[in-house]
Amino acid sequence: MDEIGMSRSAFYRMRARGKAPRCVRLPNGQIRVRRSDLDTWWASNCQDLSD
C-alpha cells in the first residue's frame, strides 16, 4: 500500500465498494494483489482522473 500511497483502511474501504484491484487471498488468510492487476487498476484510475 506504500507503493500506491494509500492507507490500509482506505484500501479496505475501496475493496468493500468494489473499487480496488482484484485481490487474492492466500491460504494463511493474507491478501495480495497481483502486479498485473495492480498495474491495470492503476492505469484505469489515472485515466479517470485525467478526464
N, C-alpha and C. Protein backbone atom coordinates (compact mmCIF):
# COMPACT_ATOMS: atom_id res chain seq x y z
N MET A 1 0.81 -1.18 0.00
CA MET A 1 0.00 0.00 0.00
C MET A 1 0.86 1.25 0.00
N ASP A 2 2.09 1.09 0.43
CA ASP A 2 3.00 2.23 0.37
C ASP A 2 3.22 2.66 -1.08
N GLU A 3 3.25 1.69 -1.96
CA GLU A 3 3.53 1.98 -3.37
C GLU A 3 2.45 2.86 -3.99
N ILE A 4 1.21 2.67 -3.58
CA ILE A 4 0.13 3.47 -4.16
C ILE A 4 -0.24 4.65 -3.27
N GLY A 5 0.44 4.82 -2.15
CA GLY A 5 0.22 5.97 -1.28
C GLY A 5 -1.17 5.99 -0.65
N MET A 6 -1.61 4.84 -0.16
CA MET A 6 -2.95 4.72 0.40
C MET A 6 -2.86 4.00 1.74
N SER A 7 -3.67 4.46 2.69
CA SER A 7 -3.68 3.78 3.98
C SER A 7 -4.40 2.43 3.84
N ARG A 8 -4.14 1.58 4.78
CA ARG A 8 -4.76 0.25 4.77
C ARG A 8 -6.27 0.37 4.88
N SER A 9 -6.74 1.26 5.75
CA SER A 9 -8.19 1.41 5.91
C SER A 9 -8.85 1.94 4.64
N ALA A 10 -8.20 2.87 3.96
CA ALA A 10 -8.75 3.39 2.70
C ALA A 10 -8.80 2.28 1.64
N PHE A 11 -7.76 1.46 1.59
CA PHE A 11 -7.74 0.36 0.64
C PHE A 11 -8.89 -0.62 0.91
N TYR A 12 -9.10 -0.96 2.18
CA TYR A 12 -10.17 -1.90 2.52
C TYR A 12 -11.55 -1.31 2.25
N ARG A 13 -11.70 0.02 2.44
CA ARG A 13 -12.97 0.66 2.07
C ARG A 13 -13.22 0.55 0.58
N MET A 14 -12.18 0.83 -0.22
CA MET A 14 -12.32 0.71 -1.68
C MET A 14 -12.63 -0.72 -2.07
N ARG A 15 -11.99 -1.64 -1.41
CA ARG A 15 -12.21 -3.06 -1.70
C ARG A 15 -13.65 -3.46 -1.38
N ALA A 16 -14.18 -2.97 -0.27
CA ALA A 16 -15.56 -3.27 0.10
C ALA A 16 -16.55 -2.69 -0.90
N ARG A 17 -16.20 -1.57 -1.51
CA ARG A 17 -17.06 -0.92 -2.51
C ARG A 17 -16.85 -1.48 -3.92
N GLY A 18 -15.89 -2.39 -4.06
CA GLY A 18 -15.62 -2.97 -5.37
C GLY A 18 -14.78 -2.08 -6.27
N LYS A 19 -14.05 -1.12 -5.68
CA LYS A 19 -13.27 -0.16 -6.46
C LYS A 19 -11.76 -0.44 -6.42
N ALA A 20 -11.35 -1.46 -5.71
CA ALA A 20 -9.92 -1.79 -5.57
C ALA A 20 -9.53 -2.82 -6.63
N PRO A 21 -8.23 -2.99 -6.86
CA PRO A 21 -7.81 -4.03 -7.79
C PRO A 21 -8.18 -5.41 -7.25
N ARG A 22 -8.26 -6.37 -8.15
CA ARG A 22 -8.61 -7.73 -7.77
C ARG A 22 -7.59 -8.28 -6.79
N CYS A 23 -8.08 -8.88 -5.71
CA CYS A 23 -7.21 -9.41 -4.66
C CYS A 23 -7.26 -10.93 -4.64
N VAL A 24 -6.19 -11.51 -4.13
CA VAL A 24 -6.07 -12.96 -3.98
C VAL A 24 -5.86 -13.24 -2.50
N ARG A 25 -6.66 -14.11 -1.93
CA ARG A 25 -6.49 -14.49 -0.53
C ARG A 25 -5.61 -15.73 -0.47
N LEU A 26 -4.52 -15.64 0.27
CA LEU A 26 -3.60 -16.75 0.43
C LEU A 26 -4.14 -17.74 1.46
N PRO A 27 -3.63 -18.97 1.47
CA PRO A 27 -4.10 -19.97 2.44
C PRO A 27 -3.95 -19.53 3.90
N ASN A 28 -2.99 -18.66 4.18
CA ASN A 28 -2.81 -18.19 5.55
C ASN A 28 -3.71 -17.00 5.89
N GLY A 29 -4.58 -16.60 4.95
CA GLY A 29 -5.54 -15.52 5.20
C GLY A 29 -5.09 -14.15 4.74
N GLN A 30 -3.82 -14.01 4.38
CA GLN A 30 -3.34 -12.72 3.91
C GLN A 30 -3.89 -12.42 2.53
N ILE A 31 -3.97 -11.13 2.21
CA ILE A 31 -4.48 -10.70 0.92
C ILE A 31 -3.34 -10.12 0.11
N ARG A 32 -3.30 -10.47 -1.16
CA ARG A 32 -2.28 -9.96 -2.07
C ARG A 32 -2.95 -9.49 -3.35
N VAL A 33 -2.26 -8.58 -4.04
CA VAL A 33 -2.72 -8.10 -5.34
C VAL A 33 -1.64 -8.45 -6.35
N ARG A 34 -2.04 -9.10 -7.42
CA ARG A 34 -1.07 -9.43 -8.47
C ARG A 34 -0.59 -8.15 -9.13
N ARG A 35 0.66 -8.12 -9.52
CA ARG A 35 1.26 -6.95 -10.15
C ARG A 35 0.47 -6.54 -11.39
N SER A 36 0.09 -7.51 -12.21
CA SER A 36 -0.65 -7.18 -13.44
C SER A 36 -2.00 -6.55 -13.13
N ASP A 37 -2.68 -7.04 -12.08
CA ASP A 37 -3.97 -6.46 -11.69
C ASP A 37 -3.79 -5.05 -11.13
N LEU A 38 -2.73 -4.84 -10.36
CA LEU A 38 -2.45 -3.51 -9.81
C LEU A 38 -2.13 -2.53 -10.93
N ASP A 39 -1.30 -2.94 -11.88
CA ASP A 39 -0.95 -2.05 -12.99
C ASP A 39 -2.17 -1.68 -13.83
N THR A 40 -3.04 -2.65 -14.09
CA THR A 40 -4.25 -2.40 -14.85
C THR A 40 -5.17 -1.44 -14.10
N TRP A 41 -5.35 -1.69 -12.81
CA TRP A 41 -6.19 -0.84 -11.97
C TRP A 41 -5.63 0.57 -11.91
N TRP A 42 -4.32 0.68 -11.72
CA TRP A 42 -3.67 1.99 -11.62
C TRP A 42 -3.84 2.78 -12.93
N ALA A 43 -3.65 2.11 -14.06
CA ALA A 43 -3.80 2.77 -15.35
C ALA A 43 -5.23 3.26 -15.57
N SER A 44 -6.21 2.46 -15.18
CA SER A 44 -7.60 2.87 -15.39
C SER A 44 -7.98 4.01 -14.46
N ASN A 45 -7.45 4.03 -13.24
CA ASN A 45 -7.74 5.13 -12.32
C ASN A 45 -7.06 6.41 -12.72
N CYS A 46 -5.86 6.33 -13.23
CA CYS A 46 -5.15 7.53 -13.70
C CYS A 46 -5.87 8.12 -14.89
N GLN A 47 -6.41 7.26 -15.74
CA GLN A 47 -7.17 7.71 -16.89
C GLN A 47 -8.44 8.44 -16.45
N ASP A 48 -9.12 7.91 -15.43
CA ASP A 48 -10.34 8.54 -14.90
C ASP A 48 -10.05 9.93 -14.37
N LEU A 49 -8.90 10.10 -13.72
CA LEU A 49 -8.56 11.40 -13.15
C LEU A 49 -8.22 12.44 -14.19
N SER A 50 -7.69 11.99 -15.33
CA SER A 50 -7.27 12.94 -16.35
C SER A 50 -8.44 13.42 -17.21
N ASP A 51 -9.59 12.73 -17.15
CA ASP A 51 -10.75 13.12 -17.96
C ASP A 51 -11.44 14.35 -17.43
